[in-house]
Amino acid sequence: MPPCVLKKEQRKHLQLPSQSTLAFSKNKRITISKEVSLICVKKPECSECIFNEKCPGIWHEYAEHYGLEEFKPIKENIT
């Protein structure tokens, strides 16, 4: 789940993997920096977000069905 859909208080407790951390999908290991981009999408504005490098984005299917308007880049520090 992208951090930008969480409330500010919830984001304080968020622990995102580093870009090199492995994720698991249907018993298959994938790297966040490569294969996730095949199943997830981000808005161009996400490049301005403080979580951009760690956030995988949102699934293509979700974006196609609901759009990406609810996702806004977070520019302030959460501490």
C-alpha atoms as a PDB file:
ATOM      1  CA  MET A   1       0.000   0.000   0.000  1.00  0.00           C
ATOM      2  CA  PRO A   2       1.490   3.358  -0.960  1.00  0.00           C
ATOM      3  CA  PRO A   3       2.226   5.571   2.061  1.00  0.00           C
ATOM      4  CA  CYS A   4       0.342   8.495   0.517  1.00  0.00           C
ATOM      5  CA  VAL A   5      -3.027   6.829   1.188  1.00  0.00           C
ATOM      6  CA  LEU A   6      -2.280   6.567   4.912  1.00  0.00           C
ATOM      7  CA  LYS A   7      -2.981   9.302   7.451  1.00  0.00           C
ATOM      8  CA  LYS A   8       0.035  11.251   8.688  1.00  0.00           C
ATOM      9  CA  GLU A   9      -0.101   9.559  12.100  1.00  0.00           C
ATOM     10  CA  GLN A  10      -0.168   6.108  10.462  1.00  0.00           C
ATOM     11  CA  ARG A  11       2.857   6.930   8.301  1.00  0.00           C
ATOM     12  CA  LYS A  12       4.961   7.512  11.427  1.00  0.00           C
ATOM     13  CA  HIS A  13       4.796   3.780  12.144  1.00  0.00           C
ATOM     14  CA  LEU A  14       5.318   2.674   8.561  1.00  0.00           C
ATOM     15  CA  GLN A  15       8.247   0.403   7.784  1.00  0.00           C
ATOM     16  CA  LEU A  16       8.959   0.204   4.089  1.00  0.00           C
ATOM     17  CA  PRO A  17      11.553  -2.145   2.614  1.00  0.00           C
ATOM     18  CA  SER A  18      14.651  -0.740   1.027  1.00  0.00           C
ATOM     19  CA  GLN A  19      14.767  -0.783  -2.752  1.00  0.00           C
ATOM     20  CA  SER A  20      16.961  -3.866  -2.735  1.00  0.00           C
ATOM     21  CA  THR A  21      14.710  -5.841  -0.398  1.00  0.00           C
ATOM     22  CA  LEU A  22      13.034  -8.854  -1.913  1.00  0.00           C
ATOM     23  CA  ALA A  23       9.271  -9.174  -1.997  1.00  0.00           C
ATOM     24  CA  PHE A  24       7.277 -12.346  -2.506  1.00  0.00           C
ATOM     25  CA  SER A  25       4.383 -12.768  -4.898  1.00  0.00           C
ATOM     26  CA  LYS A  26       2.720 -16.127  -5.528  1.00  0.00           C
ATOM     27  CA  ASN A  27       5.787 -17.982  -4.199  1.00  0.00           C
ATOM     28  CA  LYS A  28       8.073 -16.098  -6.569  1.00  0.00           C
ATOM     29  CA  ARG A  29      10.849 -13.821  -5.356  1.00  0.00           C
ATOM     30  CA  ILE A  30      10.875 -10.404  -6.978  1.00  0.00           C
ATOM     31  CA  THR A  31      13.027  -7.356  -6.463  1.00  0.00           C
ATOM     32  CA  ILE A  32      11.203  -4.144  -5.770  1.00  0.00           C
ATOM     33  CA  SER A  33      13.415  -2.167  -8.132  1.00  0.00           C
ATOM     34  CA  LYS A  34      12.732  -4.339 -11.178  1.00  0.00           C
ATOM     35  CA  GLU A  35       9.839  -6.772 -11.457  1.00  0.00           C
ATOM     36  CA  VAL A  36       7.370  -4.775  -9.349  1.00  0.00           C
ATOM     37  CA  SER A  37       7.391  -2.094 -12.035  1.00  0.00           C
ATOM     38  CA  LEU A  38       5.857  -4.697 -14.335  1.00  0.00           C
ATOM     39  CA  ILE A  39       2.787  -5.062 -12.110  1.00  0.00           C
ATOM     40  CA  CYS A  40       2.679  -1.625 -10.445  1.00  0.00           C
ATOM     41  CA  VAL A  41       2.406   1.935 -11.679  1.00  0.00           C
ATOM     42  CA  LYS A  42       3.110   5.398 -10.272  1.00  0.00           C
ATOM     43  CA  LYS A  43       2.104   8.904 -11.278  1.00  0.00           C
ATOM     44  CA  PRO A  44       4.881  11.142 -12.620  1.00  0.00           C
ATOM     45  CA  GLU A  45       4.378  13.329  -9.524  1.00  0.00           C
ATOM     46  CA  CYS A  46       5.489  10.398  -7.355  1.00  0.00           C
ATOM     47  CA  SER A  47       9.081  11.289  -8.224  1.00  0.00           C
ATOM     48  CA  GLU A  48       8.680  14.262  -5.841  1.00  0.00           C
ATOM     49  CA  CYS A  49       7.550  12.041  -2.925  1.00  0.00           C
ATOM     50  CA  ILE A  50       9.892  11.358   0.000  1.00  0.00           C
ATOM     51  CA  PHE A  51       8.867   7.681  -0.237  1.00  0.00           C
ATOM     52  CA  ASN A  52       9.399   7.336  -4.005  1.00  0.00           C
ATOM     53  CA  GLU A  53      12.432   5.044  -3.879  1.00  0.00           C
ATOM     54  CA  LYS A  54      10.828   2.658  -1.386  1.00  0.00           C
ATOM     55  CA  CYS A  55       7.223   2.725  -2.572  1.00  0.00           C
ATOM     56  CA  PRO A  56       6.298   0.075  -5.123  1.00  0.00           C
ATOM     57  CA  GLY A  57       3.336   2.061  -6.447  1.00  0.00           C
ATOM     58  CA  ILE A  58      -0.129   0.640  -7.058  1.00  0.00           C
ATOM     59  CA  TRP A  59      -1.215  -2.349  -9.106  1.00  0.00           C
ATOM     60  CA  HIS A  60      -1.977  -1.634 -12.767  1.00  0.00           C
ATOM     61  CA  GLU A  61      -5.422  -3.216 -12.399  1.00  0.00           C
ATOM     62  CA  TYR A  62      -6.348  -0.892  -9.536  1.00  0.00           C
ATOM     63  CA  ALA A  63      -5.121   2.151 -11.459  1.00  0.00           C
ATOM     64  CA  GLU A  64      -7.071   1.145 -14.566  1.00  0.00           C
ATOM     65  CA  HIS A  65     -10.270   0.637 -12.588  1.00  0.00           C
ATOM     66  CA  TYR A  66     -10.110   3.505 -10.064  1.00  0.00           C
ATOM     67  CA  GLY A  67      -7.510   5.897 -11.473  1.00  0.00           C
ATOM     68  CA  LEU A  68      -4.620   7.513  -9.645  1.00  0.00           C
ATOM     69  CA  GLU A  69      -6.189  10.749  -8.401  1.00  0.00           C
ATOM     70  CA  GLU A  70      -6.151   9.691  -4.727  1.00  0.00           C
ATOM     71  CA  PHE A  71      -2.363   9.302  -4.741  1.00  0.00           C
ATOM     72  CA  LYS A  72      -0.514  12.512  -3.876  1.00  0.00           C
ATOM     73  CA  PRO A  73       3.236  12.824  -3.298  1.00  0.00           C
ATOM     74  CA  ILE A  74       4.306  13.368   0.312  1.00  0.00           C
ATOM     75  CA  LYS A  75       6.836  16.158   0.450  1.00  0.00           C
ATOM     76  CA  GLU A  76       7.228  16.767   4.176  1.00  0.00           C
ATOM     77  CA  ASN A  77       9.212  14.686   6.587  1.00  0.00           C
ATOM     78  CA  ILE A  78       7.144  12.402   8.845  1.00  0.00           C
ATOM     79  CA  THR A  79       9.265  12.755  11.970  1.00  0.00           C
END
